[in-house]
Amino acid sequence: MKDKFIELTLGSYIISHGYNSKNKEMMEHVPSDKFSKKIVPISRIKSVSEKYILTNYVDGRWIYWEYNEDYETVKSMLV
């Protein structure tokens, strides 16, 4: 099966590294002062909110990307 991709303009992001022994999510905030275009495989996208697009990442991690496009635009690209 061939992967499909979308182009998004992404900025700051948050990496979820899993959970600690007290079941608290371990988050790493990575700020960016600008947005840049990236090609994202649709198969990596788990959800989209009005501010973030959630994708899977390496080694079972998750990444929450801020995106610059309008929510309805991203929705129409995926539906």
PDB file of N, CA and C in Angstrom:
ATOM      1  N   MET A   1       0.839  -1.184   0.000  1.00  0.00           N
ATOM      2  CA  MET A   1       0.000   0.000   0.000  1.00  0.00           C
ATOM      3  C   MET A   1       0.881   1.242   0.000  1.00  0.00           C
ATOM      4  N   LYS A   2       0.592   2.176  -0.867  1.00  0.00           N
ATOM      5  CA  LYS A   2       1.386   3.383  -0.985  1.00  0.00           C
ATOM      6  C   LYS A   2       0.850   4.458  -0.043  1.00  0.00           C
ATOM      7  N   ASP A   3       1.754   5.069   0.714  1.00  0.00           N
ATOM      8  CA  ASP A   3       1.373   6.116   1.662  1.00  0.00           C
ATOM      9  C   ASP A   3       0.932   7.373   0.918  1.00  0.00           C
ATOM     10  N   LYS A   4      -0.080   8.061   1.458  1.00  0.00           N
ATOM     11  CA  LYS A   4      -0.500   9.354   0.941  1.00  0.00           C
ATOM     12  C   LYS A   4       0.023  10.412   1.890  1.00  0.00           C
ATOM     13  N   PHE A   5       0.270  11.589   1.357  1.00  0.00           N
ATOM     14  CA  PHE A   5       0.881  12.666   2.124  1.00  0.00           C
ATOM     15  C   PHE A   5       0.067  13.947   1.981  1.00  0.00           C
ATOM     16  N   ILE A   6       0.212  14.824   2.988  1.00  0.00           N
ATOM     17  CA  ILE A   6      -0.310  16.183   2.878  1.00  0.00           C
ATOM     18  C   ILE A   6       0.809  17.141   3.262  1.00  0.00           C
ATOM     19  N   GLU A   7       0.737  18.344   2.723  1.00  0.00           N
ATOM     20  CA  GLU A   7       1.706  19.382   3.071  1.00  0.00           C
ATOM     21  C   GLU A   7       1.064  20.304   4.097  1.00  0.00           C
ATOM     22  N   LEU A   8       1.749  20.489   5.226  1.00  0.00           N
ATOM     23  CA  LEU A   8       1.270  21.356   6.291  1.00  0.00           C
ATOM     24  C   LEU A   8       2.354  22.348   6.679  1.00  0.00           C
ATOM     25  N   THR A   9       1.938  23.467   7.242  1.00  0.00           N
ATOM     26  CA  THR A   9       2.868  24.468   7.746  1.00  0.00           C
ATOM     27  C   THR A   9       2.885  24.332   9.260  1.00  0.00           C
ATOM     28  N   LEU A  10       3.983  23.759   9.786  1.00  0.00           N
ATOM     29  CA  LEU A  10       4.068  23.388  11.198  1.00  0.00           C
ATOM     30  C   LEU A  10       5.045  24.276  11.955  1.00  0.00           C
ATOM     31  N   GLY A  11       4.770  24.449  13.243  1.00  0.00           N
ATOM     32  CA  GLY A  11       5.611  25.292  14.087  1.00  0.00           C
ATOM     33  C   GLY A  11       6.068  24.550  15.327  1.00  0.00           C
ATOM     34  N   SER A  12       5.834  25.141  16.482  1.00  0.00           N
ATOM     35  CA  SER A  12       6.226  24.539  17.756  1.00  0.00           C
ATOM     36  C   SER A  12       5.544  23.198  17.935  1.00  0.00           C
ATOM     37  N   TYR A  13       6.143  22.343  18.763  1.00  0.00           N
ATOM     38  CA  TYR A  13       5.554  21.036  18.984  1.00  0.00           C
ATOM     39  C   TYR A  13       5.833  20.535  20.387  1.00  0.00           C
ATOM     40  N   ILE A  14       5.064  19.531  20.775  1.00  0.00           N
ATOM     41  CA  ILE A  14       5.192  18.888  22.081  1.00  0.00           C
ATOM     42  C   ILE A  14       5.370  17.396  21.833  1.00  0.00           C
ATOM     43  N   ILE A  15       6.411  16.821  22.404  1.00  0.00           N
ATOM     44  CA  ILE A  15       6.645  15.384  22.284  1.00  0.00           C
ATOM     45  C   ILE A  15       6.179  14.713  23.562  1.00  0.00           C
ATOM     46  N   SER A  16       5.351  13.696  23.422  1.00  0.00           N
ATOM     47  CA  SER A  16       4.940  12.883  24.556  1.00  0.00           C
ATOM     48  C   SER A  16       5.863  11.668  24.599  1.00  0.00           C
ATOM     49  N   HIS A  17       6.632  11.561  25.671  1.00  0.00           N
ATOM     50  CA  HIS A  17       7.601  10.480  25.821  1.00  0.00           C
ATOM     51  C   HIS A  17       7.030   9.283  26.584  1.00  0.00           C
ATOM     52  N   GLY A  18       5.741   9.295  26.844  1.00  0.00           N
ATOM     53  CA  GLY A  18       5.126   8.201  27.585  1.00  0.00           C
ATOM     54  C   GLY A  18       4.753   8.663  28.982  1.00  0.00           C
ATOM     55  N   TYR A  19       4.733   7.718  29.914  1.00  0.00           N
ATOM     56  CA  TYR A  19       4.273   7.996  31.271  1.00  0.00           C
ATOM     57  C   TYR A  19       5.321   7.559  32.287  1.00  0.00           C
ATOM     58  N   ASN A  20       5.406   8.313  33.391  1.00  0.00           N
ATOM     59  CA  ASN A  20       6.345   7.949  34.446  1.00  0.00           C
ATOM     60  C   ASN A  20       5.701   6.939  35.405  1.00  0.00           C
ATOM     61  N   SER A  21       6.394   6.604  36.469  1.00  0.00           N
ATOM     62  CA  SER A  21       5.901   5.592  37.415  1.00  0.00           C
ATOM     63  C   SER A  21       4.643   6.031  38.157  1.00  0.00           C
ATOM     64  N   LYS A  22       4.349   7.341  38.165  1.00  0.00           N
ATOM     65  CA  LYS A  22       3.131   7.852  38.805  1.00  0.00           C
ATOM     66  C   LYS A  22       2.018   8.088  37.780  1.00  0.00           C
ATOM     67  N   ASN A  23       2.192   7.519  36.587  1.00  0.00           N
ATOM     68  CA  ASN A  23       1.229   7.610  35.494  1.00  0.00           C
ATOM     69  C   ASN A  23       1.018   9.040  35.005  1.00  0.00           C
ATOM     70  N   LYS A  24       2.037   9.885  35.146  1.00  0.00           N
ATOM     71  CA  LYS A  24       1.980  11.257  34.649  1.00  0.00           C
ATOM     72  C   LYS A  24       2.683  11.301  33.295  1.00  0.00           C
ATOM     73  N   GLU A  25       2.022  11.912  32.317  1.00  0.00           N
ATOM     74  CA  GLU A  25       2.584  11.990  30.978  1.00  0.00           C
ATOM     75  C   GLU A  25       3.835  12.869  30.983  1.00  0.00           C
ATOM     76  N   MET A  26       4.902  12.381  30.360  1.00  0.00           N
ATOM     77  CA  MET A  26       6.162  13.129  30.275  1.00  0.00           C
ATOM     78  C   MET A  26       6.185  13.883  28.946  1.00  0.00           C
ATOM     79  N   MET A  27       6.101  15.218  29.020  1.00  0.00           N
ATOM     80  CA  MET A  27       5.995  16.066  27.840  1.00  0.00           C
ATOM     81  C   MET A  27       7.249  16.921  27.679  1.00  0.00           C
ATOM     82  N   GLU A  28       7.694  17.062  26.446  1.00  0.00           N
ATOM     83  CA  GLU A  28       8.817  17.934  26.112  1.00  0.00           C
ATOM     84  C   GLU A  28       8.317  18.997  25.133  1.00  0.00           C
ATOM     85  N   HIS A  29       8.311  20.265  25.557  1.00  0.00           N
ATOM     86  CA  HIS A  29       7.868  21.370  24.710  1.00  0.00           C
ATOM     87  C   HIS A  29       9.051  21.874  23.895  1.00  0.00           C
ATOM     88  N   VAL A  30       8.870  21.963  22.575  1.00  0.00           N
ATOM     89  CA  VAL A  30       9.926  22.434  21.677  1.00  0.00           C
ATOM     90  C   VAL A  30       9.389  23.658  20.937  1.00  0.00           C
ATOM     91  N   PRO A  31       9.752  24.854  21.423  1.00  0.00           N
ATOM     92  CA  PRO A  31       9.231  26.071  20.794  1.00  0.00           C
ATOM     93  C   PRO A  31       9.941  26.379  19.474  1.00  0.00           C
ATOM     94  N   SER A  32       9.217  27.037  18.595  1.00  0.00           N
ATOM     95  CA  SER A  32       9.778  27.488  17.329  1.00  0.00           C
ATOM     96  C   SER A  32       9.286  28.907  17.093  1.00  0.00           C
ATOM     97  N   ASP A  33      10.155  29.763  16.617  1.00  0.00           N
ATOM     98  CA  ASP A  33       9.743  31.145  16.379  1.00  0.00           C
ATOM     99  C   ASP A  33       9.159  31.348  14.981  1.00  0.00           C
ATOM    100  N   LYS A  34       9.123  30.265  14.187  1.00  0.00           N
ATOM    101  CA  LYS A  34       8.522  30.371  12.857  1.00  0.00           C
ATOM    102  C   LYS A  34       7.898  29.035  12.461  1.00  0.00           C
ATOM    103  N   PHE A  35       7.043  29.095  11.477  1.00  0.00           N
ATOM    104  CA  PHE A  35       6.422  27.913  10.905  1.00  0.00           C
ATOM    105  C   PHE A  35       7.173  27.546   9.630  1.00  0.00           C
ATOM    106  N   SER A  36       7.195  26.250   9.317  1.00  0.00           N
ATOM    107  CA  SER A  36       7.808  25.815   8.057  1.00  0.00           C
ATOM    108  C   SER A  36       6.971  24.687   7.462  1.00  0.00           C
ATOM    109  N   LYS A  37       7.055  24.574   6.141  1.00  0.00           N
ATOM    110  CA  LYS A  37       6.274  23.551   5.435  1.00  0.00           C
ATOM    111  C   LYS A  37       6.912  22.186   5.622  1.00  0.00           C
ATOM    112  N   LYS A  38       6.048  21.186   5.834  1.00  0.00           N
ATOM    113  CA  LYS A  38       6.500  19.800   5.979  1.00  0.00           C
ATOM    114  C   LYS A  38       5.512  18.900   5.254  1.00  0.00           C
ATOM    115  N   ILE A  39       6.021  17.804   4.718  1.00  0.00           N
ATOM    116  CA  ILE A  39       5.192  16.773   4.109  1.00  0.00           C
ATOM    117  C   ILE A  39       4.967  15.704   5.172  1.00  0.00           C
ATOM    118  N   VAL A  40       3.701  15.406   5.465  1.00  0.00           N
ATOM    119  CA  VAL A  40       3.352  14.477   6.536  1.00  0.00           C
ATOM    120  C   VAL A  40       2.586  13.290   5.948  1.00  0.00           C
ATOM    121  N   PRO A  41       3.020  12.062   6.246  1.00  0.00           N
ATOM    122  CA  PRO A  41       2.232  10.901   5.805  1.00  0.00           C
ATOM    123  C   PRO A  41       0.888  10.860   6.543  1.00  0.00           C
ATOM    124  N   ILE A  42      -0.188  10.724   5.804  1.00  0.00           N
ATOM    125  CA  ILE A  42      -1.518  10.690   6.416  1.00  0.00           C
ATOM    126  C   ILE A  42      -1.630   9.536   7.409  1.00  0.00           C
ATOM    127  N   SER A  43      -0.934   8.452   7.160  1.00  0.00           N
ATOM    128  CA  SER A  43      -1.009   7.292   8.054  1.00  0.00           C
ATOM    129  C   SER A  43      -0.468   7.581   9.450  1.00  0.00           C
ATOM    130  N   ARG A  44       0.352   8.632   9.617  1.00  0.00           N
ATOM    131  CA  ARG A  44       0.890   8.990  10.940  1.00  0.00           C
ATOM    132  C   ARG A  44      -0.053   9.872  11.735  1.00  0.00           C
ATOM    133  N   ILE A  45      -1.055  10.463  11.095  1.00  0.00           N
ATOM    134  CA  ILE A  45      -1.963  11.400  11.766  1.00  0.00           C
ATOM    135  C   ILE A  45      -2.982  10.619  12.586  1.00  0.00           C
ATOM    136  N   LYS A  46      -3.072  10.978  13.866  1.00  0.00           N
ATOM    137  CA  LYS A  46      -4.015  10.333  14.783  1.00  0.00           C
ATOM    138  C   LYS A  46      -5.243  11.188  15.042  1.00  0.00           C
ATOM    139  N   SER A  47      -5.069  12.509  15.130  1.00  0.00           N
ATOM    140  CA  SER A  47      -6.209  13.406  15.318  1.00  0.00           C
ATOM    141  C   SER A  47      -5.801  14.834  14.966  1.00  0.00           C
ATOM    142  N   VAL A  48      -6.835  15.660  14.776  1.00  0.00           N
ATOM    143  CA  VAL A  48      -6.621  17.078  14.467  1.00  0.00           C
ATOM    144  C   VAL A  48      -7.575  17.887  15.331  1.00  0.00           C
ATOM    145  N   SER A  49      -7.031  18.893  16.020  1.00  0.00           N
ATOM    146  CA  SER A  49      -7.866  19.831  16.777  1.00  0.00           C
ATOM    147  C   SER A  49      -7.708  21.195  16.117  1.00  0.00           C
ATOM    148  N   GLU A  50      -8.321  22.209  16.693  1.00  0.00           N
ATOM    149  CA  GLU A  50      -8.205  23.548  16.106  1.00  0.00           C
ATOM    150  C   GLU A  50      -6.804  24.125  16.241  1.00  0.00           C
ATOM    151  N   LYS A  51      -5.981  23.566  17.120  1.00  0.00           N
ATOM    152  CA  LYS A  51      -4.625  24.093  17.319  1.00  0.00           C
ATOM    153  C   LYS A  51      -3.528  23.090  16.973  1.00  0.00           C
ATOM    154  N   TYR A  52      -3.774  21.802  17.219  1.00  0.00           N
ATOM    155  CA  TYR A  52      -2.724  20.793  17.065  1.00  0.00           C
ATOM    156  C   TYR A  52      -3.124  19.670  16.115  1.00  0.00           C
ATOM    157  N   ILE A  53      -2.102  19.105  15.495  1.00  0.00           N
ATOM    158  CA  ILE A  53      -2.259  17.858  14.768  1.00  0.00           C
ATOM    159  C   ILE A  53      -1.400  16.833  15.498  1.00  0.00           C
ATOM    160  N   LEU A  54      -2.008  15.726  15.891  1.00  0.00           N
ATOM    161  CA  LEU A  54      -1.313  14.694  16.657  1.00  0.00           C
ATOM    162  C   LEU A  54      -0.850  13.606  15.708  1.00  0.00           C
ATOM    163  N   THR A  55       0.451  13.293  15.758  1.00  0.00           N
ATOM    164  CA  THR A  55       1.011  12.229  14.922  1.00  0.00           C
ATOM    165  C   THR A  55       1.813  11.277  15.789  1.00  0.00           C
ATOM    166  N   ASN A  56       1.969  10.046  15.277  1.00  0.00           N
ATOM    167  CA  ASN A  56       2.875   9.156  15.993  1.00  0.00           C
ATOM    168  C   ASN A  56       4.301   9.531  15.617  1.00  0.00           C
ATOM    169  N   TYR A  57       5.237   9.152  16.467  1.00  0.00           N
ATOM    170  CA  TYR A  57       6.633   9.558  16.353  1.00  0.00           C
ATOM    171  C   TYR A  57       7.480   8.302  16.556  1.00  0.00           C
ATOM    172  N   VAL A  58       8.760   8.426  16.658  1.00  0.00           N
ATOM    173  CA  VAL A  58       9.643   7.268  16.804  1.00  0.00           C
ATOM    174  C   VAL A  58       9.515   6.635  18.194  1.00  0.00           C
ATOM    175  N   ASP A  59       9.802   5.348  18.262  1.00  0.00           N
ATOM    176  CA  ASP A  59       9.852   4.591  19.518  1.00  0.00           C
ATOM    177  C   ASP A  59       8.578   4.706  20.357  1.00  0.00           C
ATOM    178  N   GLY A  60       7.413   4.725  19.709  1.00  0.00           N
ATOM    179  CA  GLY A  60       6.148   4.756  20.432  1.00  0.00           C
ATOM    180  C   GLY A  60       5.761   6.108  21.002  1.00  0.00           C
ATOM    181  N   ARG A  61       6.492   7.136  20.666  1.00  0.00           N
ATOM    182  CA  ARG A  61       6.159   8.480  21.157  1.00  0.00           C
ATOM    183  C   ARG A  61       5.068   9.100  20.285  1.00  0.00           C
ATOM    184  N   TRP A  62       4.485  10.192  20.791  1.00  0.00           N
ATOM    185  CA  TRP A  62       3.481  10.973  20.068  1.00  0.00           C
ATOM    186  C   TRP A  62       3.996  12.404  19.970  1.00  0.00           C
ATOM    187  N   ILE A  63       3.597  13.112  18.937  1.00  0.00           N
ATOM    188  CA  ILE A  63       4.011  14.505  18.789  1.00  0.00           C
ATOM    189  C   ILE A  63       2.796  15.365  18.418  1.00  0.00           C
ATOM    190  N   TYR A  64       2.631  16.454  19.154  1.00  0.00           N
ATOM    191  CA  TYR A  64       1.566  17.421  18.916  1.00  0.00           C
ATOM    192  C   TYR A  64       2.182  18.625  18.202  1.00  0.00           C
ATOM    193  N   TRP A  65       1.831  18.820  16.939  1.00  0.00           N
ATOM    194  CA  TRP A  65       2.358  19.939  16.153  1.00  0.00           C
ATOM    195  C   TRP A  65       1.359  21.085  16.127  1.00  0.00           C
ATOM    196  N   GLU A  66       1.837  22.322  16.308  1.00  0.00           N
ATOM    197  CA  GLU A  66       1.012  23.486  16.003  1.00  0.00           C
ATOM    198  C   GLU A  66       1.016  23.621  14.494  1.00  0.00           C
ATOM    199  N   TYR A  67      -0.111  23.937  13.913  1.00  0.00           N
ATOM    200  CA  TYR A  67      -0.145  24.136  12.463  1.00  0.00           C
ATOM    201  C   TYR A  67      -0.728  25.499  12.137  1.00  0.00           C
ATOM    202  N   ASN A  68      -0.362  26.014  10.965  1.00  0.00           N
ATOM    203  CA  ASN A  68      -0.723  27.368  10.587  1.00  0.00           C
ATOM    204  C   ASN A  68      -1.992  27.432   9.732  1.00  0.00           C
ATOM    205  N   GLU A  69      -2.373  26.335   9.129  1.00  0.00           N
ATOM    206  CA  GLU A  69      -3.547  26.325   8.274  1.00  0.00           C
ATOM    207  C   GLU A  69      -4.821  26.456   9.116  1.00  0.00           C
ATOM    208  N   ASP A  70      -5.895  26.796   8.461  1.00  0.00           N
ATOM    209  CA  ASP A  70      -7.206  26.830   9.084  1.00  0.00           C
ATOM    210  C   ASP A  70      -7.678  25.387   9.319  1.00  0.00           C
ATOM    211  N   TYR A  71      -8.383  25.145  10.421  1.00  0.00           N
ATOM    212  CA  TYR A  71      -8.880  23.812  10.753  1.00  0.00           C
ATOM    213  C   TYR A  71      -9.697  23.212   9.607  1.00  0.00           C
ATOM    214  N   GLU A  72     -10.615  23.981   9.045  1.00  0.00           N
ATOM    215  CA  GLU A  72     -11.473  23.475   7.970  1.00  0.00           C
ATOM    216  C   GLU A  72     -10.657  23.092   6.739  1.00  0.00           C
ATOM    217  N   THR A  73      -9.568  23.805   6.481  1.00  0.00           N
ATOM    218  CA  THR A  73      -8.684  23.480   5.354  1.00  0.00           C
ATOM    219  C   THR A  73      -8.032  22.121   5.575  1.00  0.00           C
ATOM    220  N   VAL A  74      -7.493  21.904   6.777  1.00  0.00           N
ATOM    221  CA  VAL A  74      -6.846  20.630   7.090  1.00  0.00           C
ATOM    222  C   VAL A  74      -7.883  19.508   7.037  1.00  0.00           C
ATOM    223  N   LYS A  75      -9.035  19.756   7.588  1.00  0.00           N
ATOM    224  CA  LYS A  75     -10.113  18.752   7.575  1.00  0.00           C
ATOM    225  C   LYS A  75     -10.456  18.354   6.140  1.00  0.00           C
ATOM    226  N   SER A  76     -10.589  19.333   5.255  1.00  0.00           N
ATOM    227  CA  SER A  76     -10.939  19.013   3.869  1.00  0.00           C
ATOM    228  C   SER A  76      -9.813  18.269   3.151  1.00  0.00           C
ATOM    229  N   MET A  77      -8.569  18.467   3.558  1.00  0.00           N
ATOM    230  CA  MET A  77      -7.446  17.744   2.973  1.00  0.00           C
ATOM    231  C   MET A  77      -7.464  16.279   3.372  1.00  0.00           C
ATOM    232  N   LEU A  78      -8.046  15.973   4.531  1.00  0.00           N
ATOM    233  CA  LEU A  78      -8.037  14.613   5.074  1.00  0.00           C
ATOM    234  C   LEU A  78      -9.306  13.830   4.782  1.00  0.00           C
ATOM    235  N   VAL A  79     -10.425  14.514   4.601  1.00  0.00           N
ATOM    236  CA  VAL A  79     -11.705  13.818   4.423  1.00  0.00           C
ATOM    237  C   VAL A  79     -11.962  13.570   2.942  1.00  0.00           C
TER     238      VAL A  79
END
